[in-house]
Amino acid sequence: MAKTTSKHGKSRKSQIERAKVHNQGNVVHTVFDDLDWHPLDTEIDNTRDKSYMRKIKPRSDGQRALMEAIKDKNLTMAMGPAGTGKTYLAISAAVEALEAGEIERIILSRPAMEAGESLGYLPGDMHEKMAPFLRPLYDALGDRLGGKRVRQLLEDGTIEIAPVGFMRGRTLNNAFIVIDEAQNCTYAQLKMLLSRLGWHSTMVVTGDPDQSDLLDGMSGLADISKRLSTLPNVSVIKLKSEDIVRHPLVAEMLQVL
């Protein structure tokens, strides 16, 4: 009987074994297990452009202000439209702090909020259910560290990616915390998240108040940022359309939409 292989020459047995590895621990990969490739696979990582490993440089005045604020303050609120690099710069700063030995772990969190449509029931355990919502964070980590290193750090707990609902009651010491998509958090949720900050830790909260998927008036990002802007040890950075580093058309569209 002929051996079943994929179009890339991989046997079905090897794919199954690879899927078992991907599903171990707190690494969420099941969405790719039935395909012939995975974004964190070694063969993909080896052909990736390694220029991303160099030190990040700001591409606008707003990004420069954000990077300086993250470096100087223990809490930074980064607000602005899509494509301004809020999440990417925050995760890059977290990776640099980890590599320099300034922190012991990276904790990334975002609310499990569907963007205007219902995804219905998602199978699997908690990590598998959260995978679609946390994918942008995995992408940014992969760009900065490479797939193999990300898997290692996730497996040993150095990097933790958790939903907002599982942050209550924790004290996060010696950590770099990034709260992403904070416009989809209520006032009470953000207050709870901000109070998780422990000794020798840095927290960056990112979001766009104009793109909340909550009902009108429920998002707490704008209100909390306004209140915190009066504190000397908190930096509130407001990025603008001029700071968008995606396709120039994105900035033009957001100005009229």
C-alpha atoms as a PDB file:
ATOM      1  CA  MET A   1       0.000   0.000   0.000  1.00  0.00           C
ATOM      2  CA  ALA A   2       1.405   3.387  -1.019  1.00  0.00           C
ATOM      3  CA  LYS A   3       2.477   5.733   1.750  1.00  0.00           C
ATOM      4  CA  THR A   4       0.252   8.792   2.065  1.00  0.00           C
ATOM      5  CA  THR A   5       2.191  12.050   1.712  1.00  0.00           C
ATOM      6  CA  SER A   6       1.303  15.735   1.495  1.00  0.00           C
ATOM      7  CA  LYS A   7       2.074  17.937  -1.491  1.00  0.00           C
ATOM      8  CA  HIS A   8       5.285  18.932   0.297  1.00  0.00           C
ATOM      9  CA  GLY A   9       6.407  15.309   0.637  1.00  0.00           C
ATOM     10  CA  LYS A  10       5.576  14.941   4.361  1.00  0.00           C
ATOM     11  CA  SER A  11       3.940  11.725   5.528  1.00  0.00           C
ATOM     12  CA  ARG A  12       0.629  11.853   7.362  1.00  0.00           C
ATOM     13  CA  LYS A  13       2.326  10.121  10.310  1.00  0.00           C
ATOM     14  CA  SER A  14       4.938  12.888  10.600  1.00  0.00           C
ATOM     15  CA  GLN A  15       2.189  15.507  10.493  1.00  0.00           C
ATOM     16  CA  ILE A  16       0.340  13.792  13.334  1.00  0.00           C
ATOM     17  CA  GLU A  17       3.515  13.592  15.421  1.00  0.00           C
ATOM     18  CA  ARG A  18       4.151  17.279  14.783  1.00  0.00           C
ATOM     19  CA  ALA A  19       0.595  18.084  15.864  1.00  0.00           C
ATOM     20  CA  LYS A  20       1.148  16.255  19.167  1.00  0.00           C
ATOM     21  CA  VAL A  21       4.190  18.429  19.870  1.00  0.00           C
ATOM     22  CA  HIS A  22       2.286  21.599  19.023  1.00  0.00           C
ATOM     23  CA  ASN A  23      -0.493  20.707  21.422  1.00  0.00           C
ATOM     24  CA  GLN A  24       1.718  20.219  24.459  1.00  0.00           C
ATOM     25  CA  GLY A  25       1.669  22.580  27.424  1.00  0.00           C
ATOM     26  CA  ASN A  26       0.269  26.058  26.941  1.00  0.00           C
ATOM     27  CA  VAL A  27       1.274  26.370  23.278  1.00  0.00           C
ATOM     28  CA  VAL A  28      -1.779  26.928  21.096  1.00  0.00           C
ATOM     29  CA  HIS A  29      -1.346  25.567  17.590  1.00  0.00           C
ATOM     30  CA  THR A  30      -4.339  23.316  16.853  1.00  0.00           C
ATOM     31  CA  VAL A  31      -5.732  25.673  14.241  1.00  0.00           C
ATOM     32  CA  PHE A  32      -2.789  24.685  12.004  1.00  0.00           C
ATOM     33  CA  ASP A  33      -2.427  21.016  12.817  1.00  0.00           C
ATOM     34  CA  ASP A  34      -4.275  19.737   9.748  1.00  0.00           C
ATOM     35  CA  LEU A  35      -2.288  21.909   7.333  1.00  0.00           C
ATOM     36  CA  ASP A  36       1.080  21.281   5.705  1.00  0.00           C
ATOM     37  CA  TRP A  37       2.800  24.195   7.423  1.00  0.00           C
ATOM     38  CA  HIS A  38       2.854  26.058  10.681  1.00  0.00           C
ATOM     39  CA  PRO A  39       3.949  29.696  11.229  1.00  0.00           C
ATOM     40  CA  LEU A  40       6.355  28.738  14.022  1.00  0.00           C
ATOM     41  CA  ASP A  41       7.839  25.641  12.354  1.00  0.00           C
ATOM     42  CA  THR A  42      11.617  25.427  12.205  1.00  0.00           C
ATOM     43  CA  GLU A  43      11.705  25.254   8.409  1.00  0.00           C
ATOM     44  CA  ILE A  44       9.596  28.417   8.227  1.00  0.00           C
ATOM     45  CA  ASP A  45      11.699  30.187  10.840  1.00  0.00           C
ATOM     46  CA  ASN A  46      14.976  29.334   9.114  1.00  0.00           C
ATOM     47  CA  THR A  47      13.888  31.052   5.891  1.00  0.00           C
ATOM     48  CA  ARG A  48      12.503  34.117   7.684  1.00  0.00           C
ATOM     49  CA  ASP A  49      14.176  37.485   7.130  1.00  0.00           C
ATOM     50  CA  LYS A  50      16.354  37.891  10.234  1.00  0.00           C
ATOM     51  CA  SER A  51      16.526  41.674   9.959  1.00  0.00           C
ATOM     52  CA  TYR A  52      13.687  41.845  12.487  1.00  0.00           C
ATOM     53  CA  MET A  53      16.161  40.853  15.210  1.00  0.00           C
ATOM     54  CA  ARG A  54      17.927  44.195  15.008  1.00  0.00           C
ATOM     55  CA  LYS A  55      17.077  46.991  17.388  1.00  0.00           C
ATOM     56  CA  ILE A  56      13.757  48.662  16.674  1.00  0.00           C
ATOM     57  CA  LYS A  57      13.863  52.283  15.528  1.00  0.00           C
ATOM     58  CA  PRO A  58      10.887  54.688  15.564  1.00  0.00           C
ATOM     59  CA  ARG A  59       9.407  55.674  12.218  1.00  0.00           C
ATOM     60  CA  SER A  60       7.534  58.747  13.457  1.00  0.00           C
ATOM     61  CA  ASP A  61       7.640  61.316  16.242  1.00  0.00           C
ATOM     62  CA  GLY A  62       4.726  59.587  17.937  1.00  0.00           C
ATOM     63  CA  GLN A  63       6.489  56.237  17.942  1.00  0.00           C
ATOM     64  CA  ARG A  64       9.618  57.887  19.332  1.00  0.00           C
ATOM     65  CA  ALA A  65       7.586  59.397  22.170  1.00  0.00           C
ATOM     66  CA  LEU A  66       6.008  56.003  22.879  1.00  0.00           C
ATOM     67  CA  MET A  67       9.346  54.199  23.006  1.00  0.00           C
ATOM     68  CA  GLU A  68      10.804  56.814  25.361  1.00  0.00           C
ATOM     69  CA  ALA A  69       7.735  56.645  27.605  1.00  0.00           C
ATOM     70  CA  ILE A  70       7.947  52.854  27.874  1.00  0.00           C
ATOM     71  CA  LYS A  71      11.604  53.150  28.817  1.00  0.00           C
ATOM     72  CA  ASP A  72      11.090  55.878  31.434  1.00  0.00           C
ATOM     73  CA  LYS A  73       7.730  55.012  33.046  1.00  0.00           C
ATOM     74  CA  ASN A  74       6.376  51.927  34.815  1.00  0.00           C
ATOM     75  CA  LEU A  75       2.945  52.474  33.268  1.00  0.00           C
ATOM     76  CA  THR A  76       2.296  53.716  29.738  1.00  0.00           C
ATOM     77  CA  MET A  77      -1.076  54.134  28.079  1.00  0.00           C
ATOM     78  CA  ALA A  78      -0.632  53.965  24.288  1.00  0.00           C
ATOM     79  CA  MET A  79      -3.702  55.066  22.372  1.00  0.00           C
ATOM     80  CA  GLY A  80      -4.093  55.605  18.666  1.00  0.00           C
ATOM     81  CA  PRO A  81      -5.555  54.310  15.393  1.00  0.00           C
ATOM     82  CA  ALA A  82      -4.820  50.936  13.840  1.00  0.00           C
ATOM     83  CA  GLY A  83      -1.410  50.524  12.246  1.00  0.00           C
ATOM     84  CA  THR A  84       0.555  52.897  14.468  1.00  0.00           C
ATOM     85  CA  GLY A  85       2.661  50.077  15.924  1.00  0.00           C
ATOM     86  CA  LYS A  86       1.307  50.235  19.478  1.00  0.00           C
ATOM     87  CA  THR A  87       1.317  46.501  20.128  1.00  0.00           C
ATOM     88  CA  TYR A  88       4.465  45.769  18.151  1.00  0.00           C
ATOM     89  CA  LEU A  89       6.521  48.445  19.928  1.00  0.00           C
ATOM     90  CA  ALA A  90       5.245  47.316  23.318  1.00  0.00           C
ATOM     91  CA  ILE A  91       6.130  43.669  22.673  1.00  0.00           C
ATOM     92  CA  SER A  92       9.499  44.679  21.218  1.00  0.00           C
ATOM     93  CA  ALA A  93      10.267  46.616  24.398  1.00  0.00           C
ATOM     94  CA  ALA A  94       9.223  43.587  26.452  1.00  0.00           C
ATOM     95  CA  VAL A  95      11.542  41.308  24.472  1.00  0.00           C
ATOM     96  CA  GLU A  96      14.456  43.734  24.826  1.00  0.00           C
ATOM     97  CA  ALA A  97      13.907  43.936  28.601  1.00  0.00           C
ATOM     98  CA  LEU A  98      13.832  40.140  28.842  1.00  0.00           C
ATOM     99  CA  GLU A  99      16.973  39.736  26.774  1.00  0.00           C
ATOM    100  CA  ALA A 100      18.764  42.352  28.905  1.00  0.00           C
ATOM    101  CA  GLY A 101      17.850  40.523  32.112  1.00  0.00           C
ATOM    102  CA  GLU A 102      15.787  43.437  33.420  1.00  0.00           C
ATOM    103  CA  ILE A 103      12.700  41.245  33.923  1.00  0.00           C
ATOM    104  CA  GLU A 104      12.010  37.557  34.489  1.00  0.00           C
ATOM    105  CA  ARG A 105       8.906  37.076  32.366  1.00  0.00           C
ATOM    106  CA  ILE A 106       6.596  38.610  29.781  1.00  0.00           C
ATOM    107  CA  ILE A 107       2.843  38.571  30.309  1.00  0.00           C
ATOM    108  CA  LEU A 108       0.539  39.436  27.422  1.00  0.00           C
ATOM    109  CA  SER A 109      -3.205  39.792  27.798  1.00  0.00           C
ATOM    110  CA  ARG A 110      -6.139  40.893  25.699  1.00  0.00           C
ATOM    111  CA  PRO A 111      -9.924  40.578  26.000  1.00  0.00           C
ATOM    112  CA  ALA A 112     -11.679  37.766  24.155  1.00  0.00           C
ATOM    113  CA  MET A 113     -13.921  40.070  22.154  1.00  0.00           C
ATOM    114  CA  GLU A 114     -15.257  39.198  18.707  1.00  0.00           C
ATOM    115  CA  ALA A 115     -14.952  42.004  16.152  1.00  0.00           C
ATOM    116  CA  GLY A 116     -18.579  42.596  15.307  1.00  0.00           C
ATOM    117  CA  GLU A 117     -19.461  39.003  14.441  1.00  0.00           C
ATOM    118  CA  SER A 118     -20.175  35.823  16.321  1.00  0.00           C
ATOM    119  CA  LEU A 119     -17.663  32.996  15.932  1.00  0.00           C
ATOM    120  CA  GLY A 120     -19.990  30.578  17.660  1.00  0.00           C
ATOM    121  CA  TYR A 121     -18.780  27.697  19.800  1.00  0.00           C
ATOM    122  CA  LEU A 122     -15.024  27.124  19.661  1.00  0.00           C
ATOM    123  CA  PRO A 123     -13.807  23.586  20.517  1.00  0.00           C
ATOM    124  CA  GLY A 124     -10.912  22.707  22.777  1.00  0.00           C
ATOM    125  CA  ASP A 125      -9.579  23.785  26.147  1.00  0.00           C
ATOM    126  CA  MET A 126      -9.129  27.376  27.327  1.00  0.00           C
ATOM    127  CA  HIS A 127      -5.910  27.943  25.383  1.00  0.00           C
ATOM    128  CA  GLU A 128      -7.391  26.550  22.181  1.00  0.00           C
ATOM    129  CA  LYS A 129     -10.505  28.693  22.532  1.00  0.00           C
ATOM    130  CA  MET A 130      -8.344  31.797  23.009  1.00  0.00           C
ATOM    131  CA  ALA A 131      -6.030  31.083  20.076  1.00  0.00           C
ATOM    132  CA  PRO A 132      -7.914  33.159  17.458  1.00  0.00           C
ATOM    133  CA  PHE A 133      -8.010  36.182  19.780  1.00  0.00           C
ATOM    134  CA  LEU A 134      -4.341  35.951  20.759  1.00  0.00           C
ATOM    135  CA  ARG A 135      -2.931  35.309  17.284  1.00  0.00           C
ATOM    136  CA  PRO A 136      -1.694  38.931  16.772  1.00  0.00           C
ATOM    137  CA  LEU A 137       0.422  38.604  19.913  1.00  0.00           C
ATOM    138  CA  TYR A 138       1.965  35.348  18.676  1.00  0.00           C
ATOM    139  CA  ASP A 139       2.750  37.041  15.348  1.00  0.00           C
ATOM    140  CA  ALA A 140       4.591  39.920  17.038  1.00  0.00           C
ATOM    141  CA  LEU A 141       6.535  37.548  19.299  1.00  0.00           C
ATOM    142  CA  GLY A 142       7.505  35.399  16.314  1.00  0.00           C
ATOM    143  CA  ASP A 143       8.829  38.439  14.483  1.00  0.00           C
ATOM    144  CA  ARG A 144      11.014  39.505  17.395  1.00  0.00           C
ATOM    145  CA  LEU A 145      12.237  36.147  18.695  1.00  0.00           C
ATOM    146  CA  GLY A 146      11.684  33.580  15.978  1.00  0.00           C
ATOM    147  CA  GLY A 147       9.358  30.617  16.172  1.00  0.00           C
ATOM    148  CA  LYS A 148      11.653  28.149  17.938  1.00  0.00           C
ATOM    149  CA  ARG A 149      12.551  30.565  20.740  1.00  0.00           C
ATOM    150  CA  VAL A 150       8.911  31.591  21.238  1.00  0.00           C
ATOM    151  CA  ARG A 151       7.873  27.952  21.666  1.00  0.00           C
ATOM    152  CA  GLN A 152      10.619  27.379  24.230  1.00  0.00           C
ATOM    153  CA  LEU A 153       9.725  30.462  26.269  1.00  0.00           C
ATOM    154  CA  LEU A 154       6.022  29.631  26.184  1.00  0.00           C
ATOM    155  CA  GLU A 155       6.651  26.079  27.335  1.00  0.00           C
ATOM    156  CA  ASP A 156       8.816  27.091  30.307  1.00  0.00           C
ATOM    157  CA  GLY A 157       6.447  29.893  31.329  1.00  0.00           C
ATOM    158  CA  THR A 158       8.817  32.782  30.635  1.00  0.00           C
ATOM    159  CA  ILE A 159       6.211  34.139  28.226  1.00  0.00           C
ATOM    160  CA  GLU A 160       2.595  33.874  29.281  1.00  0.00           C
ATOM    161  CA  ILE A 161      -0.366  34.813  27.120  1.00  0.00           C
ATOM    162  CA  ALA A 162      -3.601  34.966  29.090  1.00  0.00           C
ATOM    163  CA  PRO A 163      -7.142  36.274  28.681  1.00  0.00           C
ATOM    164  CA  VAL A 164      -8.181  39.268  30.771  1.00  0.00           C
ATOM    165  CA  GLY A 165     -10.558  37.155  32.842  1.00  0.00           C
ATOM    166  CA  PHE A 166      -7.699  35.121  34.332  1.00  0.00           C
ATOM    167  CA  MET A 167      -5.700  38.108  35.621  1.00  0.00           C
ATOM    168  CA  ARG A 168      -7.773  38.840  38.724  1.00  0.00           C
ATOM    169  CA  GLY A 169      -6.077  38.246  42.067  1.00  0.00           C
ATOM    170  CA  ARG A 170      -2.533  38.142  40.690  1.00  0.00           C
ATOM    171  CA  THR A 171       0.472  40.303  41.618  1.00  0.00           C
ATOM    172  CA  LEU A 172       2.891  40.565  38.711  1.00  0.00           C
ATOM    173  CA  ASN A 173       6.428  41.167  39.986  1.00  0.00           C
ATOM    174  CA  ASN A 174       9.584  41.351  37.841  1.00  0.00           C
ATOM    175  CA  ALA A 175       7.510  41.263  34.684  1.00  0.00           C
ATOM    176  CA  PHE A 176       6.727  43.219  31.550  1.00  0.00           C
ATOM    177  CA  ILE A 177       2.960  43.279  31.052  1.00  0.00           C
ATOM    178  CA  VAL A 178       1.255  44.256  27.807  1.00  0.00           C
ATOM    179  CA  ILE A 179      -2.526  44.737  27.817  1.00  0.00           C
ATOM    180  CA  ASP A 180      -3.600  44.771  24.172  1.00  0.00           C
ATOM    181  CA  GLU A 181      -6.921  45.872  22.626  1.00  0.00           C
ATOM    182  CA  ALA A 182      -7.789  47.680  25.859  1.00  0.00           C
ATOM    183  CA  GLN A 183     -10.629  49.555  24.146  1.00  0.00           C
ATOM    184  CA  ASN A 184     -12.595  46.327  24.546  1.00  0.00           C
ATOM    185  CA  CYS A 185     -12.188  46.380  28.336  1.00  0.00           C
ATOM    186  CA  THR A 186     -14.718  47.977  30.637  1.00  0.00           C
ATOM    187  CA  TYR A 187     -13.723  50.505  33.292  1.00  0.00           C
ATOM    188  CA  ALA A 188     -13.856  47.802  35.980  1.00  0.00           C
ATOM    189  CA  GLN A 189     -11.711  45.408  33.933  1.00  0.00           C
ATOM    190  CA  LEU A 190      -9.043  48.025  33.275  1.00  0.00           C
ATOM    191  CA  LYS A 191      -9.001  49.060  36.926  1.00  0.00           C
ATOM    192  CA  MET A 192      -8.464  45.418  37.874  1.00  0.00           C
ATOM    193  CA  LEU A 193      -5.684  44.974  35.292  1.00  0.00           C
ATOM    194  CA  LEU A 194      -3.818  48.140  36.266  1.00  0.00           C
ATOM    195  CA  SER A 195      -3.812  47.096  39.914  1.00  0.00           C
ATOM    196  CA  ARG A 196      -1.925  43.872  39.010  1.00  0.00           C
ATOM    197  CA  LEU A 197       1.330  45.871  38.642  1.00  0.00           C
ATOM    198  CA  GLY A 198       3.974  44.600  41.062  1.00  0.00           C
ATOM    199  CA  TRP A 199       7.525  45.477  42.048  1.00  0.00           C
ATOM    200  CA  HIS A 200      10.148  45.940  39.319  1.00  0.00           C
ATOM    201  CA  SER A 201       7.497  45.613  36.618  1.00  0.00           C
ATOM    202  CA  THR A 202       6.476  47.627  33.585  1.00  0.00           C
ATOM    203  CA  MET A 203       3.005  47.742  32.086  1.00  0.00           C
ATOM    204  CA  VAL A 204       1.925  49.024  28.675  1.00  0.00           C
ATOM    205  CA  VAL A 205      -1.769  49.340  27.840  1.00  0.00           C
ATOM    206  CA  THR A 206      -2.592  49.710  24.149  1.00  0.00           C
ATOM    207  CA  GLY A 207      -5.851  50.426  22.395  1.00  0.00           C
ATOM    208  CA  ASP A 208      -7.901  52.590  20.054  1.00  0.00           C
ATOM    209  CA  PRO A 209     -10.918  54.222  21.749  1.00  0.00           C
ATOM    210  CA  ASP A 210     -12.519  54.749  18.338  1.00  0.00           C
ATOM    211  CA  GLN A 211     -12.582  51.030  17.492  1.00  0.00           C
ATOM    212  CA  SER A 212     -14.261  49.486  20.511  1.00  0.00           C
ATOM    213  CA  ASP A 213     -16.400  46.407  19.911  1.00  0.00           C
ATOM    214  CA  LEU A 214     -18.337  47.039  23.130  1.00  0.00           C
ATOM    215  CA  LEU A 215     -21.642  48.853  23.282  1.00  0.00           C
ATOM    216  CA  ASP A 216     -21.443  52.643  23.353  1.00  0.00           C
ATOM    217  CA  GLY A 217     -20.300  53.949  26.706  1.00  0.00           C
ATOM    218  CA  MET A 218     -19.004  50.604  28.014  1.00  0.00           C
ATOM    219  CA  SER A 219     -15.320  50.971  27.119  1.00  0.00           C
ATOM    220  CA  GLY A 220     -13.260  52.366  29.973  1.00  0.00           C
ATOM    221  CA  LEU A 221     -10.043  53.156  28.067  1.00  0.00           C
ATOM    222  CA  ALA A 222     -10.661  56.843  27.316  1.00  0.00           C
ATOM    223  CA  ASP A 223     -11.948  57.633  30.814  1.00  0.00           C
ATOM    224  CA  ILE A 224      -9.134  55.852  32.621  1.00  0.00           C
ATOM    225  CA  SER A 225      -6.466  57.383  30.363  1.00  0.00           C
ATOM    226  CA  LYS A 226      -7.837  60.854  31.062  1.00  0.00           C
ATOM    227  CA  ARG A 227      -7.747  60.261  34.816  1.00  0.00           C
ATOM    228  CA  LEU A 228      -4.242  58.769  34.769  1.00  0.00           C
ATOM    229  CA  SER A 229      -2.819  61.590  32.637  1.00  0.00           C
ATOM    230  CA  THR A 230      -2.691  63.753  35.787  1.00  0.00           C
ATOM    231  CA  LEU A 231      -0.219  61.387  37.498  1.00  0.00           C
ATOM    232  CA  PRO A 232       3.490  62.212  37.067  1.00  0.00           C
ATOM    233  CA  ASN A 233       4.593  58.573  36.998  1.00  0.00           C
ATOM    234  CA  VAL A 234       2.171  57.551  34.249  1.00  0.00           C
ATOM    235  CA  SER A 235       2.651  58.404  30.589  1.00  0.00           C
ATOM    236  CA  VAL A 236      -0.334  58.714  28.232  1.00  0.00           C
ATOM    237  CA  ILE A 237       0.743  58.705  24.580  1.00  0.00           C
ATOM    238  CA  LYS A 238      -1.802  59.548  21.878  1.00  0.00           C
ATOM    239  CA  LEU A 239      -0.693  58.445  18.434  1.00  0.00           C
ATOM    240  CA  LYS A 240      -2.231  60.026  15.330  1.00  0.00           C
ATOM    241  CA  SER A 241      -2.861  59.139  11.707  1.00  0.00           C
ATOM    242  CA  GLU A 242       0.597  60.502  10.835  1.00  0.00           C
ATOM    243  CA  ASP A 243       2.093  57.675  12.908  1.00  0.00           C
ATOM    244  CA  ILE A 244       0.455  54.893  10.867  1.00  0.00           C
ATOM    245  CA  VAL A 245       3.144  52.695   9.317  1.00  0.00           C
ATOM    246  CA  ARG A 246       0.908  50.388   7.289  1.00  0.00           C
ATOM    247  CA  HIS A 247      -0.122  51.120   3.713  1.00  0.00           C
ATOM    248  CA  PRO A 248      -0.627  54.908   3.252  1.00  0.00           C
ATOM    249  CA  LEU A 249      -4.217  54.195   2.235  1.00  0.00           C
ATOM    250  CA  VAL A 250      -4.970  53.044   5.810  1.00  0.00           C
ATOM    251  CA  ALA A 251      -4.344  56.539   7.161  1.00  0.00           C
ATOM    252  CA  GLU A 252      -6.451  58.093   4.411  1.00  0.00           C
ATOM    253  CA  MET A 253      -9.363  55.712   5.048  1.00  0.00           C
ATOM    254  CA  LEU A 254      -9.367  56.178   8.819  1.00  0.00           C
ATOM    255  CA  GLN A 255      -9.649  59.922   8.365  1.00  0.00           C
ATOM    256  CA  VAL A 256     -12.979  59.569   6.537  1.00  0.00           C
ATOM    257  CA  LEU A 257     -14.456  56.450   8.149  1.00  0.00           C
END
